[in-house]
Amino acid sequence: MNTHHGDTEARSVAGLLSESLTEAIIGAAIEVHRQIGPGLLESVYEECMCEELRLRGVPFKCQIELPVVYKGRETGGKYRIDLVVADEVVVELKAVERLLSVHEAQLLTYLRLTGKRVGLLINFNVSVLHRGIVRRVL
């Protein structure tokens, strides 16, 4: 019974950690959006997000490659994840007119493939950034 309580506590701590991480990521994205605005290419936002996270001392990796595995075998293809922050949060960046269900499906697939629980989908092509942010937890 004690173990179960410990597991619940560990999940709560992990949840708080990922929540503060997502807040830090969203704060960085808001600053990028404030500085350069909507209407640019996704690659520009990715470069600026990397720089903003670096300036804030938030650990991250960008353009993470994952092999495509089909029926237990690697096909030679690769998935590319835009950002993984603090080895916990998958971040998929977009610069599209509007987010579609396929974009959320992509994020959920990346979460499953990486074994991560928390993901952010951020669309910079909006007038107010909060309207372009989706947070998902598996």
Protein backbone atom coordinates (compact mmCIF):
# COMPACT_ATOMS: atom_id res chain seq x y z
CA MET A 1 0.00 0.00 0.00
CA ASN A 2 2.87 2.38 0.76
CA THR A 3 4.30 1.73 -2.70
CA HIS A 4 1.05 2.79 -4.35
CA HIS A 5 1.07 6.04 -2.38
CA GLY A 6 4.68 6.60 -3.44
CA ASP A 7 3.75 5.98 -7.07
CA THR A 8 0.94 8.52 -6.80
CA GLU A 9 3.32 11.04 -5.23
CA ALA A 10 5.90 10.42 -7.95
CA ARG A 11 3.26 10.96 -10.63
CA SER A 12 2.13 14.17 -8.91
CA VAL A 13 5.70 15.47 -8.74
CA ALA A 14 6.26 14.52 -12.40
CA GLY A 15 2.99 16.26 -13.31
CA LEU A 16 4.05 19.45 -11.54
CA LEU A 17 7.47 19.30 -13.16
CA SER A 18 6.01 18.91 -16.65
CA GLU A 19 3.48 21.68 -15.92
CA SER A 20 6.24 24.12 -14.95
CA LEU A 21 8.20 23.00 -18.03
CA THR A 22 5.23 23.62 -20.32
CA GLU A 23 4.80 27.05 -18.71
CA ALA A 24 8.47 27.83 -19.43
CA ILE A 25 8.12 26.64 -23.03
CA ILE A 26 4.94 28.67 -23.54
CA GLY A 27 6.65 31.72 -22.03
CA ALA A 28 9.52 31.31 -24.49
CA ALA A 29 7.07 30.91 -27.39
CA ILE A 30 5.19 34.06 -26.35
CA GLU A 31 8.44 36.01 -26.33
CA VAL A 32 9.37 34.70 -29.79
CA HIS A 33 5.90 35.59 -31.10
CA ARG A 34 6.11 39.04 -29.47
CA GLN A 35 9.50 39.68 -31.08
CA ILE A 36 8.90 38.47 -34.65
CA GLY A 37 5.11 38.04 -35.00
CA PRO A 38 3.15 35.69 -37.27
CA GLY A 39 3.62 34.98 -40.96
CA LEU A 40 7.10 33.45 -41.13
CA LEU A 41 8.31 29.94 -41.91
CA GLU A 42 8.23 27.22 -39.26
CA SER A 43 12.03 26.91 -39.49
CA VAL A 44 12.43 30.55 -38.40
CA TYR A 45 10.27 29.97 -35.33
CA GLU A 46 12.23 26.83 -34.51
CA GLU A 47 15.56 28.70 -34.66
CA CYS A 48 14.17 31.50 -32.48
CA MET A 49 12.62 29.04 -29.99
CA CYS A 50 15.97 27.28 -29.65
CA GLU A 51 17.69 30.60 -29.02
CA GLU A 52 15.04 31.72 -26.50
CA LEU A 53 15.19 28.42 -24.61
CA ARG A 54 19.00 28.69 -24.60
CA LEU A 55 18.81 32.25 -23.23
CA ARG A 56 16.45 31.06 -20.49
CA GLY A 57 18.68 28.14 -19.54
CA VAL A 58 16.03 25.56 -20.43
CA PRO A 59 17.60 22.29 -21.62
CA PHE A 60 16.37 21.04 -25.00
CA LYS A 61 17.26 19.11 -28.11
CA CYS A 62 16.04 20.03 -31.56
CA GLN A 63 15.31 18.03 -34.71
CA ILE A 64 15.34 14.68 -32.91
CA GLU A 65 15.40 11.81 -35.41
CA LEU A 66 13.48 8.63 -34.68
CA PRO A 67 13.65 5.61 -36.96
CA VAL A 68 10.48 4.40 -38.66
CA VAL A 69 9.82 0.90 -37.34
CA TYR A 70 7.26 -1.23 -39.15
CA LYS A 71 6.37 -4.67 -37.82
CA GLY A 72 9.47 -4.67 -35.68
CA ARG A 73 11.90 -3.68 -38.43
CA GLU A 74 13.47 -0.33 -39.22
CA THR A 75 12.51 0.85 -42.71
CA GLY A 76 15.31 3.37 -43.15
CA GLY A 77 12.91 6.30 -42.87
CA LYS A 78 13.06 8.84 -40.05
CA TYR A 79 10.60 10.91 -38.06
CA ARG A 80 11.82 14.36 -37.02
CA ILE A 81 10.57 15.90 -33.81
CA ASP A 82 11.01 19.67 -33.63
CA LEU A 83 11.96 19.93 -29.94
CA VAL A 84 12.21 17.79 -26.83
CA VAL A 85 12.56 19.95 -23.74
CA ALA A 86 14.32 18.64 -20.62
CA ASP A 87 13.92 15.13 -22.01
CA GLU A 88 10.25 15.32 -20.96
CA VAL A 89 8.11 17.51 -23.20
CA VAL A 90 7.70 16.99 -26.95
CA VAL A 91 7.14 20.28 -28.78
CA GLU A 92 5.83 20.38 -32.32
CA LEU A 93 5.98 23.80 -33.99
CA LYS A 94 3.72 24.96 -36.80
CA ALA A 95 3.22 28.07 -38.90
CA VAL A 96 -0.12 27.24 -40.52
CA GLU A 97 -3.42 29.05 -41.12
CA ARG A 98 -5.07 26.84 -38.49
CA LEU A 99 -4.28 23.70 -36.56
CA LEU A 100 -5.92 20.55 -37.91
CA SER A 101 -6.67 17.22 -36.27
CA VAL A 102 -3.76 15.70 -38.23
CA HIS A 103 -1.38 18.04 -36.38
CA GLU A 104 -2.67 16.79 -33.02
CA ALA A 105 -2.43 13.21 -34.28
CA GLN A 106 1.20 13.87 -35.22
CA LEU A 107 1.94 15.13 -31.71
CA LEU A 108 0.24 12.12 -30.10
CA THR A 109 2.19 9.77 -32.37
CA TYR A 110 5.45 11.44 -31.36
CA LEU A 111 4.50 11.05 -27.69
CA ARG A 112 3.84 7.34 -28.17
CA LEU A 113 7.05 6.82 -30.18
CA THR A 114 9.22 8.57 -27.59
CA GLY A 115 7.45 7.27 -24.49
CA LYS A 116 6.97 10.87 -23.30
CA ARG A 117 3.72 11.84 -21.59
CA VAL A 118 3.42 15.58 -22.29
CA GLY A 119 3.38 17.42 -25.60
CA LEU A 120 2.81 20.93 -26.87
CA LEU A 121 1.62 21.89 -30.32
CA ILE A 122 2.40 25.56 -31.00
CA ASN A 123 1.14 27.40 -34.07
CA PHE A 124 2.89 30.75 -34.52
CA ASN A 125 0.69 31.88 -37.40
CA VAL A 126 -1.95 33.47 -35.14
CA SER A 127 -2.51 37.03 -33.95
CA VAL A 128 -2.61 35.99 -30.27
CA LEU A 129 -0.33 33.05 -29.47
CA HIS A 130 -2.54 31.53 -26.76
CA ARG A 131 -5.03 30.67 -29.52
CA GLY A 132 -2.36 28.59 -31.24
CA ILE A 133 -1.29 26.39 -28.31
CA VAL A 134 -2.50 22.87 -27.61
CA ARG A 135 -1.23 20.82 -24.64
CA ARG A 136 -1.73 17.06 -24.66
CA VAL A 137 -0.98 14.48 -21.98
CA LEU A 138 -0.95 10.74 -22.62
